[in-house]
Amino acid sequence: MTELRLGLVTPALSANPRVARDWELSATPEQIATVAVAADRLGFHHLTCSEHVAVPSGAVSSAGTRRGTRYFDPAVSLAWIAAVTERIRLATHVLVAGYHHPLEVAKTYGTLDLLSGGRVVLGVGVGSLREEFDLLEVPFHDRGVRADDWLRALRASWGVVEPAYEGTAYWFGGLVVDPCATSTDASVWIGGRTARSLRRAVELGDGWVPFGLRPAEIAELLRRASDTPAWDGRRLPFEVVLTAEEVDAVGAPERTLERFGELVAAGATIVDVRCVHDSPESLVEQLTATVEMVQGRLR
């Protein structure tokens, strides 16, 4: 087994009550930077920042179980993190395609890619919060079809000073986008939990970032996808980025190894971690122990 790569679900940048620790709710920029710099030093593949523009109050249950309300802006947050790190990749996890014009993303995140030395990974999803779509006056019912065209338009624009594209939902030309990304080969991961999201990832992306699925369900979806003609034509390397919750390499290393093994067996090439911790310092301790454990045992 090749060495497993690790990603970090960046603390404090979102605050889902199901998983957020108390300190994250009042985290300072310095505390967030401490964790990001540690992950960079330890060799983590990437860290994440997710997106919601404005979560309608009615979309949050009284117990806060559906989703949280705090979401740091990913472009601003990842640019700030880029300035205090050197190598770690900066992953949107995920942008909602319909909330942005492809050229907006090519310009905003292309600028970030240039300033960070080519470290941007674009995680993209079609979105599911209808109330937010309505609030932003974005079409909801055909968002999947529009997202497919959006991805093609983005690929035609990424790293291109004079992009041109003619599609079903987007078309443009005769314009300049300057600055732009460091290369024309965008790294795009597709978020979702359905066979359709995986198909989109295989056909239009460089990886799949599923959520809310058991390892057995992920493995079965990947097995089915591998039997399709599109699988042989997928872009390589094709990443499968799975999340491990409640990682405790300090207190329960064997269980953590077992959990990672289950995700690798399901198809993971990268595992994003959320660790058991109660402060930035204890999180850094967990990240250090996790890397040492993986380097020593999971190869």
C-alpha atoms as a PDB file:
ATOM      1  CA  MET A   1       0.000   0.000   0.000  1.00  0.00           C
ATOM      2  CA  THR A   2       1.394   3.411  -0.913  1.00  0.00           C
ATOM      3  CA  GLU A   3       1.568   6.002   1.820  1.00  0.00           C
ATOM      4  CA  LEU A   4      -1.839   7.414   2.618  1.00  0.00           C
ATOM      5  CA  ARG A   5      -2.122  11.162   2.163  1.00  0.00           C
ATOM      6  CA  LEU A   6      -3.979  13.252   4.703  1.00  0.00           C
ATOM      7  CA  GLY A   7      -6.097  16.366   4.422  1.00  0.00           C
ATOM      8  CA  LEU A   8      -7.339  18.600   7.219  1.00  0.00           C
ATOM      9  CA  VAL A   9     -10.873  19.866   7.687  1.00  0.00           C
ATOM     10  CA  THR A  10      -9.738  23.284   8.858  1.00  0.00           C
ATOM     11  CA  PRO A  11     -11.133  24.108  12.299  1.00  0.00           C
ATOM     12  CA  ALA A  12     -13.196  27.222  12.989  1.00  0.00           C
ATOM     13  CA  LEU A  13     -13.863  28.095   9.329  1.00  0.00           C
ATOM     14  CA  SER A  14     -17.281  26.481   9.637  1.00  0.00           C
ATOM     15  CA  ALA A  15     -19.233  25.669  12.774  1.00  0.00           C
ATOM     16  CA  ASN A  16     -21.614  22.764  12.405  1.00  0.00           C
ATOM     17  CA  PRO A  17     -22.825  22.097  15.969  1.00  0.00           C
ATOM     18  CA  ARG A  18     -22.536  18.353  15.344  1.00  0.00           C
ATOM     19  CA  VAL A  19     -18.755  18.450  15.093  1.00  0.00           C
ATOM     20  CA  ALA A  20     -17.426  21.894  16.080  1.00  0.00           C
ATOM     21  CA  ARG A  21     -15.449  22.159  19.319  1.00  0.00           C
ATOM     22  CA  ASP A  22     -16.199  24.930  21.799  1.00  0.00           C
ATOM     23  CA  TRP A  23     -12.974  26.838  21.150  1.00  0.00           C
ATOM     24  CA  GLU A  24     -13.714  27.032  17.428  1.00  0.00           C
ATOM     25  CA  LEU A  25     -16.717  29.282  18.027  1.00  0.00           C
ATOM     26  CA  SER A  26     -14.439  32.053  19.328  1.00  0.00           C
ATOM     27  CA  ALA A  27     -11.223  31.088  17.560  1.00  0.00           C
ATOM     28  CA  THR A  28      -8.772  33.880  16.827  1.00  0.00           C
ATOM     29  CA  PRO A  29      -6.937  34.264  13.523  1.00  0.00           C
ATOM     30  CA  GLU A  30      -3.738  33.404  15.362  1.00  0.00           C
ATOM     31  CA  GLN A  31      -5.194  30.090  16.550  1.00  0.00           C
ATOM     32  CA  ILE A  32      -6.362  29.161  13.059  1.00  0.00           C
ATOM     33  CA  ALA A  33      -2.924  30.056  11.723  1.00  0.00           C
ATOM     34  CA  THR A  34      -1.250  27.883  14.353  1.00  0.00           C
ATOM     35  CA  VAL A  35      -3.141  24.835  13.116  1.00  0.00           C
ATOM     36  CA  ALA A  36      -2.636  25.644   9.419  1.00  0.00           C
ATOM     37  CA  VAL A  37       1.100  26.168   9.844  1.00  0.00           C
ATOM     38  CA  ALA A  38       1.381  22.888  11.780  1.00  0.00           C
ATOM     39  CA  ALA A  39      -0.483  20.973   9.056  1.00  0.00           C
ATOM     40  CA  ASP A  40       1.818  22.522   6.461  1.00  0.00           C
ATOM     41  CA  ARG A  41       4.920  21.591   8.462  1.00  0.00           C
ATOM     42  CA  LEU A  42       3.654  18.029   8.995  1.00  0.00           C
ATOM     43  CA  GLY A  43       3.162  17.474   5.269  1.00  0.00           C
ATOM     44  CA  PHE A  44      -0.624  17.392   5.022  1.00  0.00           C
ATOM     45  CA  HIS A  45      -1.780  17.320   1.422  1.00  0.00           C
ATOM     46  CA  HIS A  46      -4.406  20.039   1.783  1.00  0.00           C
ATOM     47  CA  LEU A  47      -6.681  21.925   4.107  1.00  0.00           C
ATOM     48  CA  THR A  48     -10.260  22.908   3.385  1.00  0.00           C
ATOM     49  CA  CYS A  49     -12.740  25.733   3.474  1.00  0.00           C
ATOM     50  CA  SER A  50     -16.390  25.220   2.557  1.00  0.00           C
ATOM     51  CA  GLU A  51     -18.988  27.696   1.314  1.00  0.00           C
ATOM     52  CA  HIS A  52     -22.372  29.099   2.090  1.00  0.00           C
ATOM     53  CA  VAL A  53     -23.189  32.715   1.282  1.00  0.00           C
ATOM     54  CA  ALA A  54     -26.202  33.223   3.523  1.00  0.00           C
ATOM     55  CA  VAL A  55     -27.906  30.354   5.309  1.00  0.00           C
ATOM     56  CA  PRO A  56     -31.611  31.144   5.755  1.00  0.00           C
ATOM     57  CA  SER A  57     -32.682  30.913   9.386  1.00  0.00           C
ATOM     58  CA  GLY A  58     -35.379  28.398   8.514  1.00  0.00           C
ATOM     59  CA  ALA A  59     -32.806  25.987   7.127  1.00  0.00           C
ATOM     60  CA  VAL A  60     -31.259  25.512  10.567  1.00  0.00           C
ATOM     61  CA  SER A  61     -33.157  23.241  12.929  1.00  0.00           C
ATOM     62  CA  SER A  62     -33.672  24.229  16.544  1.00  0.00           C
ATOM     63  CA  ALA A  63     -31.096  21.648  17.559  1.00  0.00           C
ATOM     64  CA  GLY A  64     -28.688  22.775  14.860  1.00  0.00           C
ATOM     65  CA  THR A  65     -28.475  19.297  13.399  1.00  0.00           C
ATOM     66  CA  ARG A  66     -28.961  20.118   9.718  1.00  0.00           C
ATOM     67  CA  ARG A  67     -26.121  22.571   9.251  1.00  0.00           C
ATOM     68  CA  GLY A  68     -24.428  25.393  11.073  1.00  0.00           C
ATOM     69  CA  THR A  69     -24.657  29.062  10.206  1.00  0.00           C
ATOM     70  CA  ARG A  70     -20.987  30.077  10.260  1.00  0.00           C
ATOM     71  CA  TYR A  71     -19.053  29.731   7.007  1.00  0.00           C
ATOM     72  CA  PHE A  72     -15.930  31.784   6.436  1.00  0.00           C
ATOM     73  CA  ASP A  73     -15.586  33.024   2.870  1.00  0.00           C
ATOM     74  CA  PRO A  74     -13.276  30.509   1.163  1.00  0.00           C
ATOM     75  CA  ALA A  75     -11.480  32.898  -1.196  1.00  0.00           C
ATOM     76  CA  VAL A  76     -10.573  35.307   1.591  1.00  0.00           C
ATOM     77  CA  SER A  77      -9.791  32.585   4.127  1.00  0.00           C
ATOM     78  CA  LEU A  78      -7.627  30.472   1.829  1.00  0.00           C
ATOM     79  CA  ALA A  79      -5.741  33.548   0.621  1.00  0.00           C
ATOM     80  CA  TRP A  80      -4.988  34.463   4.226  1.00  0.00           C
ATOM     81  CA  ILE A  81      -3.864  30.909   4.991  1.00  0.00           C
ATOM     82  CA  ALA A  82      -1.727  30.863   1.839  1.00  0.00           C
ATOM     83  CA  ALA A  83       0.233  33.806   3.222  1.00  0.00           C
ATOM     84  CA  VAL A  84       1.276  31.912   6.367  1.00  0.00           C
ATOM     85  CA  THR A  85       1.979  28.518   4.753  1.00  0.00           C
ATOM     86  CA  GLU A  86       4.348  27.257   2.081  1.00  0.00           C
ATOM     87  CA  ARG A  87       3.344  23.926   0.555  1.00  0.00           C
ATOM     88  CA  ILE A  88      -0.064  22.757   1.709  1.00  0.00           C
ATOM     89  CA  ARG A  89      -2.767  22.854  -0.948  1.00  0.00           C
ATOM     90  CA  LEU A  90      -5.786  25.110  -0.551  1.00  0.00           C
ATOM     91  CA  ALA A  91      -9.028  23.254  -1.243  1.00  0.00           C
ATOM     92  CA  THR A  92     -12.516  24.679  -1.554  1.00  0.00           C
ATOM     93  CA  HIS A  93     -14.629  21.967   0.007  1.00  0.00           C
ATOM     94  CA  VAL A  94     -16.891  22.787  -1.730  1.00  0.00           C
ATOM     95  CA  LEU A  95     -17.872  25.795  -3.812  1.00  0.00           C
ATOM     96  CA  VAL A  96     -21.461  25.755  -5.025  1.00  0.00           C
ATOM     97  CA  ALA A  97     -21.110  26.090  -8.792  1.00  0.00           C
ATOM     98  CA  GLY A  98     -24.385  27.901  -9.372  1.00  0.00           C
ATOM     99  CA  TYR A  99     -23.496  30.739  -7.016  1.00  0.00           C
ATOM    100  CA  HIS A 100     -20.641  31.884  -9.274  1.00  0.00           C
ATOM    101  CA  HIS A 101     -19.989  32.587 -12.925  1.00  0.00           C
ATOM    102  CA  PRO A 102     -17.142  30.370 -14.192  1.00  0.00           C
ATOM    103  CA  LEU A 103     -15.114  33.458 -15.097  1.00  0.00           C
ATOM    104  CA  GLU A 104     -15.522  34.780 -11.560  1.00  0.00           C
ATOM    105  CA  VAL A 105     -13.990  31.587 -10.185  1.00  0.00           C
ATOM    106  CA  ALA A 106     -11.274  31.550 -12.850  1.00  0.00           C
ATOM    107  CA  LYS A 107     -10.319  35.104 -11.860  1.00  0.00           C
ATOM    108  CA  THR A 108     -10.684  34.874  -8.066  1.00  0.00           C
ATOM    109  CA  TYR A 109      -9.155  31.467  -7.507  1.00  0.00           C
ATOM    110  CA  GLY A 110      -6.769  31.855 -10.430  1.00  0.00           C
ATOM    111  CA  THR A 111      -5.374  34.897  -8.633  1.00  0.00           C
ATOM    112  CA  LEU A 112      -5.071  32.820  -5.464  1.00  0.00           C
ATOM    113  CA  ASP A 113      -3.376  30.038  -7.429  1.00  0.00           C
ATOM    114  CA  LEU A 114      -0.847  32.531  -8.793  1.00  0.00           C
ATOM    115  CA  LEU A 115      -0.137  34.123  -5.415  1.00  0.00           C
ATOM    116  CA  SER A 116       0.154  30.760  -3.647  1.00  0.00           C
ATOM    117  CA  GLY A 117       2.440  29.141  -6.210  1.00  0.00           C
ATOM    118  CA  GLY A 118      -0.129  26.832  -7.809  1.00  0.00           C
ATOM    119  CA  ARG A 119      -1.675  25.374  -4.651  1.00  0.00           C
ATOM    120  CA  VAL A 120      -5.410  25.704  -5.381  1.00  0.00           C
ATOM    121  CA  VAL A 121      -7.719  22.681  -5.533  1.00  0.00           C
ATOM    122  CA  LEU A 122     -11.264  23.510  -6.597  1.00  0.00           C
ATOM    123  CA  GLY A 123     -13.798  21.370  -4.814  1.00  0.00           C
ATOM    124  CA  VAL A 124     -17.136  21.970  -6.523  1.00  0.00           C
ATOM    125  CA  GLY A 125     -20.690  20.814  -5.817  1.00  0.00           C
ATOM    126  CA  VAL A 126     -24.122  21.422  -7.307  1.00  0.00           C
ATOM    127  CA  GLY A 127     -25.616  22.503  -3.959  1.00  0.00           C
ATOM    128  CA  SER A 128     -28.681  21.300  -2.089  1.00  0.00           C
ATOM    129  CA  LEU A 129     -30.000  24.204   0.005  1.00  0.00           C
ATOM    130  CA  ARG A 130     -32.925  25.412  -2.068  1.00  0.00           C
ATOM    131  CA  GLU A 131     -33.631  28.322   0.288  1.00  0.00           C
ATOM    132  CA  GLU A 132     -30.172  29.726  -0.413  1.00  0.00           C
ATOM    133  CA  PHE A 133     -30.591  29.319  -4.168  1.00  0.00           C
ATOM    134  CA  ASP A 134     -33.875  31.217  -3.944  1.00  0.00           C
ATOM    135  CA  LEU A 135     -32.313  33.906  -1.778  1.00  0.00           C
ATOM    136  CA  LEU A 136     -29.525  34.423  -4.305  1.00  0.00           C
ATOM    137  CA  GLU A 137     -31.985  34.211  -7.233  1.00  0.00           C
ATOM    138  CA  VAL A 138     -30.126  31.249  -8.746  1.00  0.00           C
ATOM    139  CA  PRO A 139     -31.958  28.498 -10.702  1.00  0.00           C
ATOM    140  CA  PHE A 140     -32.359  25.373  -8.599  1.00  0.00           C
ATOM    141  CA  HIS A 141     -34.291  22.768 -10.610  1.00  0.00           C
ATOM    142  CA  ASP A 142     -31.704  22.369 -13.403  1.00  0.00           C
ATOM    143  CA  ARG A 143     -28.624  22.987 -11.252  1.00  0.00           C
ATOM    144  CA  GLY A 144     -27.034  19.645 -12.174  1.00  0.00           C
ATOM    145  CA  VAL A 145     -27.142  20.238 -15.921  1.00  0.00           C
ATOM    146  CA  ARG A 146     -25.939  23.799 -15.437  1.00  0.00           C
ATOM    147  CA  ALA A 147     -23.105  22.572 -13.193  1.00  0.00           C
ATOM    148  CA  ASP A 148     -21.883  20.228 -15.925  1.00  0.00           C
ATOM    149  CA  ASP A 149     -21.674  23.125 -18.372  1.00  0.00           C
ATOM    150  CA  TRP A 150     -20.133  25.290 -15.637  1.00  0.00           C
ATOM    151  CA  LEU A 151     -17.331  22.763 -15.188  1.00  0.00           C
ATOM    152  CA  ARG A 152     -16.607  22.663 -18.904  1.00  0.00           C
ATOM    153  CA  ALA A 153     -16.568  26.469 -19.006  1.00  0.00           C
ATOM    154  CA  LEU A 154     -14.240  26.620 -16.028  1.00  0.00           C
ATOM    155  CA  ARG A 155     -11.795  24.188 -17.613  1.00  0.00           C
ATOM    156  CA  ALA A 156     -11.821  26.297 -20.777  1.00  0.00           C
ATOM    157  CA  SER A 157     -11.017  29.379 -18.680  1.00  0.00           C
ATOM    158  CA  TRP A 158      -8.569  28.179 -16.033  1.00  0.00           C
ATOM    159  CA  GLY A 159      -5.114  29.635 -16.640  1.00  0.00           C
ATOM    160  CA  VAL A 160      -6.182  31.170 -19.955  1.00  0.00           C
ATOM    161  CA  VAL A 161      -5.713  34.916 -20.456  1.00  0.00           C
ATOM    162  CA  GLU A 162      -8.218  35.117 -23.324  1.00  0.00           C
ATOM    163  CA  PRO A 163     -10.775  32.377 -22.644  1.00  0.00           C
ATOM    164  CA  ALA A 164     -13.591  31.466 -24.994  1.00  0.00           C
ATOM    165  CA  TYR A 165     -16.437  29.021 -24.508  1.00  0.00           C
ATOM    166  CA  GLU A 166     -19.787  28.196 -26.080  1.00  0.00           C
ATOM    167  CA  GLY A 167     -22.032  25.948 -24.041  1.00  0.00           C
ATOM    168  CA  THR A 168     -25.647  25.479 -23.077  1.00  0.00           C
ATOM    169  CA  ALA A 169     -25.675  27.663 -19.963  1.00  0.00           C
ATOM    170  CA  TYR A 170     -22.508  29.734 -20.409  1.00  0.00           C
ATOM    171  CA  TRP A 171     -20.869  31.322 -23.409  1.00  0.00           C
ATOM    172  CA  PHE A 172     -18.232  34.029 -23.676  1.00  0.00           C
ATOM    173  CA  GLY A 173     -15.284  35.227 -25.725  1.00  0.00           C
ATOM    174  CA  GLY A 174     -13.436  38.331 -26.828  1.00  0.00           C
ATOM    175  CA  LEU A 175     -12.282  39.133 -23.300  1.00  0.00           C
ATOM    176  CA  VAL A 176      -9.219  39.053 -21.077  1.00  0.00           C
ATOM    177  CA  VAL A 177      -8.868  37.490 -17.621  1.00  0.00           C
ATOM    178  CA  ASP A 178      -5.605  38.713 -16.138  1.00  0.00           C
ATOM    179  CA  PRO A 179      -4.103  37.504 -13.847  1.00  0.00           C
ATOM    180  CA  CYS A 180      -5.008  33.857 -14.151  1.00  0.00           C
ATOM    181  CA  ALA A 181      -3.939  30.518 -12.706  1.00  0.00           C
ATOM    182  CA  THR A 182      -0.414  29.169 -13.008  1.00  0.00           C
ATOM    183  CA  SER A 183      -1.401  26.405 -15.445  1.00  0.00           C
ATOM    184  CA  THR A 184      -4.298  25.394 -17.667  1.00  0.00           C
ATOM    185  CA  ASP A 185      -4.684  22.097 -15.810  1.00  0.00           C
ATOM    186  CA  ALA A 186      -7.177  22.788 -13.039  1.00  0.00           C
ATOM    187  CA  SER A 187      -7.458  20.374 -10.093  1.00  0.00           C
ATOM    188  CA  VAL A 188     -11.204  19.857  -9.678  1.00  0.00           C
ATOM    189  CA  TRP A 189     -12.842  17.598  -7.098  1.00  0.00           C
ATOM    190  CA  ILE A 190     -16.567  16.993  -7.261  1.00  0.00           C
ATOM    191  CA  GLY A 191     -18.588  16.808  -4.061  1.00  0.00           C
ATOM    192  CA  GLY A 192     -21.760  14.782  -3.654  1.00  0.00           C
ATOM    193  CA  ARG A 193     -23.277  11.565  -2.381  1.00  0.00           C
ATOM    194  CA  THR A 194     -24.956  10.098  -5.438  1.00  0.00           C
ATOM    195  CA  ALA A 195     -23.984   7.994  -8.428  1.00  0.00           C
ATOM    196  CA  ARG A 196     -24.608  11.076 -10.536  1.00  0.00           C
ATOM    197  CA  SER A 197     -22.033  13.087  -8.569  1.00  0.00           C
ATOM    198  CA  LEU A 198     -19.486  10.304  -9.090  1.00  0.00           C
ATOM    199  CA  ARG A 199     -20.273  10.174 -12.783  1.00  0.00           C
ATOM    200  CA  ARG A 200     -19.732  13.940 -12.940  1.00  0.00           C
ATOM    201  CA  ALA A 201     -16.411  13.513 -11.151  1.00  0.00           C
ATOM    202  CA  VAL A 202     -15.271  10.763 -13.529  1.00  0.00           C
ATOM    203  CA  GLU A 203     -16.293  12.651 -16.652  1.00  0.00           C
ATOM    204  CA  LEU A 204     -15.457  16.246 -15.688  1.00  0.00           C
ATOM    205  CA  GLY A 205     -13.282  16.207 -12.573  1.00  0.00           C
ATOM    206  CA  ASP A 206     -10.055  14.950 -11.090  1.00  0.00           C
ATOM    207  CA  GLY A 207     -11.573  13.423  -7.987  1.00  0.00           C
ATOM    208  CA  TRP A 208     -14.662  12.716  -5.919  1.00  0.00           C
ATOM    209  CA  VAL A 209     -15.419  14.012  -2.404  1.00  0.00           C
ATOM    210  CA  PRO A 210     -18.457  12.101  -1.129  1.00  0.00           C
ATOM    211  CA  PHE A 211     -20.176  12.822   2.161  1.00  0.00           C
ATOM    212  CA  GLY A 212     -22.777  11.140   4.337  1.00  0.00           C
ATOM    213  CA  LEU A 213     -22.120   7.651   2.959  1.00  0.00           C
ATOM    214  CA  ARG A 214     -20.870   4.502   4.660  1.00  0.00           C
ATOM    215  CA  PRO A 215     -17.632   2.941   3.353  1.00  0.00           C
ATOM    216  CA  ALA A 216     -19.549   0.009   1.884  1.00  0.00           C
ATOM    217  CA  GLU A 217     -21.816   2.383  -0.048  1.00  0.00           C
ATOM    218  CA  ILE A 218     -18.816   4.287  -1.381  1.00  0.00           C
ATOM    219  CA  ALA A 219     -17.081   1.084  -2.424  1.00  0.00           C
ATOM    220  CA  GLU A 220     -20.190  -0.098  -4.281  1.00  0.00           C
ATOM    221  CA  LEU A 221     -20.599   3.221  -6.119  1.00  0.00           C
ATOM    222  CA  LEU A 222     -16.950   3.110  -7.151  1.00  0.00           C
ATOM    223  CA  ARG A 223     -17.314  -0.510  -8.288  1.00  0.00           C
ATOM    224  CA  ARG A 224     -20.267   0.388 -10.485  1.00  0.00           C
ATOM    225  CA  ALA A 225     -18.464   3.404 -11.893  1.00  0.00           C
ATOM    226  CA  SER A 226     -15.422   1.276 -12.738  1.00  0.00           C
ATOM    227  CA  ASP A 227     -17.619  -0.841 -15.004  1.00  0.00           C
ATOM    228  CA  THR A 228     -18.571   2.129 -17.200  1.00  0.00           C
ATOM    229  CA  PRO A 229     -16.735   3.234 -20.363  1.00  0.00           C
ATOM    230  CA  ALA A 230     -16.106   6.663 -18.819  1.00  0.00           C
ATOM    231  CA  TRP A 231     -13.962   5.128 -16.078  1.00  0.00           C
ATOM    232  CA  ASP A 232     -11.209   4.140 -18.491  1.00  0.00           C
ATOM    233  CA  GLY A 233     -11.112   7.685 -19.824  1.00  0.00           C
ATOM    234  CA  ARG A 234     -10.985   9.424 -16.443  1.00  0.00           C
ATOM    235  CA  ARG A 235      -8.249  11.904 -15.692  1.00  0.00           C
ATOM    236  CA  LEU A 236      -5.356  10.392 -13.714  1.00  0.00           C
ATOM    237  CA  PRO A 237      -4.553  10.459 -10.916  1.00  0.00           C
ATOM    238  CA  PHE A 238      -8.204  10.280  -9.873  1.00  0.00           C
ATOM    239  CA  GLU A 239      -8.574  11.092  -6.189  1.00  0.00           C
ATOM    240  CA  VAL A 240     -11.197   9.702  -3.833  1.00  0.00           C
ATOM    241  CA  VAL A 241     -11.223  11.959  -0.775  1.00  0.00           C
ATOM    242  CA  LEU A 242     -13.012  10.472   2.234  1.00  0.00           C
ATOM    243  CA  THR A 243     -13.444  11.912   5.725  1.00  0.00           C
ATOM    244  CA  ALA A 244     -12.566  10.287   9.045  1.00  0.00           C
ATOM    245  CA  GLU A 245     -14.460  11.761  12.005  1.00  0.00           C
ATOM    246  CA  GLU A 246     -13.338  11.687  15.639  1.00  0.00           C
ATOM    247  CA  VAL A 247      -9.758  10.732  14.801  1.00  0.00           C
ATOM    248  CA  ASP A 248      -7.872  10.012  18.024  1.00  0.00           C
ATOM    249  CA  ALA A 249      -4.328   8.964  17.220  1.00  0.00           C
ATOM    250  CA  VAL A 250      -3.243   9.945  20.727  1.00  0.00           C
ATOM    251  CA  GLY A 251      -5.859   8.070  22.758  1.00  0.00           C
ATOM    252  CA  ALA A 252      -7.012   5.332  20.385  1.00  0.00           C
ATOM    253  CA  PRO A 253      -4.364   4.733  17.720  1.00  0.00           C
ATOM    254  CA  GLU A 254      -5.426   1.190  16.876  1.00  0.00           C
ATOM    255  CA  ARG A 255      -9.036   2.214  16.300  1.00  0.00           C
ATOM    256  CA  THR A 256      -7.811   5.120  14.194  1.00  0.00           C
ATOM    257  CA  LEU A 257      -5.692   2.791  12.066  1.00  0.00           C
ATOM    258  CA  GLU A 258      -8.669   0.486  11.684  1.00  0.00           C
ATOM    259  CA  ARG A 259     -10.849   3.390  10.558  1.00  0.00           C
ATOM    260  CA  PHE A 260      -8.266   4.561   8.030  1.00  0.00           C
ATOM    261  CA  GLY A 261      -7.944   0.999   6.751  1.00  0.00           C
ATOM    262  CA  GLU A 262     -11.701   0.821   6.205  1.00  0.00           C
ATOM    263  CA  LEU A 263     -11.601   4.024   4.158  1.00  0.00           C
ATOM    264  CA  VAL A 264      -8.626   2.864   2.087  1.00  0.00           C
ATOM    265  CA  ALA A 265     -10.413  -0.419   1.431  1.00  0.00           C
ATOM    266  CA  ALA A 266     -13.459   1.563   0.289  1.00  0.00           C
ATOM    267  CA  GLY A 267     -11.286   3.385  -2.261  1.00  0.00           C
ATOM    268  CA  ALA A 268      -9.800   6.406  -0.469  1.00  0.00           C
ATOM    269  CA  THR A 269      -6.626   7.891  -1.898  1.00  0.00           C
ATOM    270  CA  ILE A 270      -6.734  10.810   0.563  1.00  0.00           C
ATOM    271  CA  VAL A 271      -8.373  10.961   3.981  1.00  0.00           C
ATOM    272  CA  ASP A 272      -9.580  14.249   5.470  1.00  0.00           C
ATOM    273  CA  VAL A 273      -9.440  14.217   9.246  1.00  0.00           C
ATOM    274  CA  ARG A 274     -11.467  15.732  12.046  1.00  0.00           C
ATOM    275  CA  CYS A 275      -9.636  15.024  15.284  1.00  0.00           C
ATOM    276  CA  VAL A 276     -10.697  14.650  18.889  1.00  0.00           C
ATOM    277  CA  HIS A 277      -9.360  17.776  20.618  1.00  0.00           C
ATOM    278  CA  ASP A 278     -10.321  20.659  22.869  1.00  0.00           C
ATOM    279  CA  SER A 279      -7.860  23.402  21.871  1.00  0.00           C
ATOM    280  CA  PRO A 280      -5.550  24.387  19.016  1.00  0.00           C
ATOM    281  CA  GLU A 281      -2.638  22.905  20.946  1.00  0.00           C
ATOM    282  CA  SER A 282      -4.316  19.534  21.444  1.00  0.00           C
ATOM    283  CA  LEU A 283      -5.340  19.508  17.785  1.00  0.00           C
ATOM    284  CA  VAL A 284      -1.719  20.038  16.723  1.00  0.00           C
ATOM    285  CA  GLU A 285      -0.766  17.166  19.039  1.00  0.00           C
ATOM    286  CA  GLN A 286      -3.356  14.949  17.357  1.00  0.00           C
ATOM    287  CA  LEU A 287      -2.217  15.933  13.868  1.00  0.00           C
ATOM    288  CA  THR A 288       1.379  15.145  14.762  1.00  0.00           C
ATOM    289  CA  ALA A 289       0.426  11.749  16.203  1.00  0.00           C
ATOM    290  CA  THR A 290      -1.741  10.984  13.159  1.00  0.00           C
ATOM    291  CA  VAL A 291       1.087  11.656  10.717  1.00  0.00           C
ATOM    292  CA  GLU A 292       3.534   9.593  12.769  1.00  0.00           C
ATOM    293  CA  MET A 293       1.041   6.742  12.955  1.00  0.00           C
ATOM    294  CA  VAL A 294       0.320   6.749   9.225  1.00  0.00           C
ATOM    295  CA  GLN A 295       3.997   6.966   8.313  1.00  0.00           C
ATOM    296  CA  GLY A 296       4.817   4.119  10.648  1.00  0.00           C
ATOM    297  CA  ARG A 297       1.937   1.732   9.999  1.00  0.00           C
ATOM    298  CA  LEU A 298      -0.230   2.488   6.973  1.00  0.00           C
ATOM    299  CA  ARG A 299       1.948   1.958   3.916  1.00  0.00           C
END
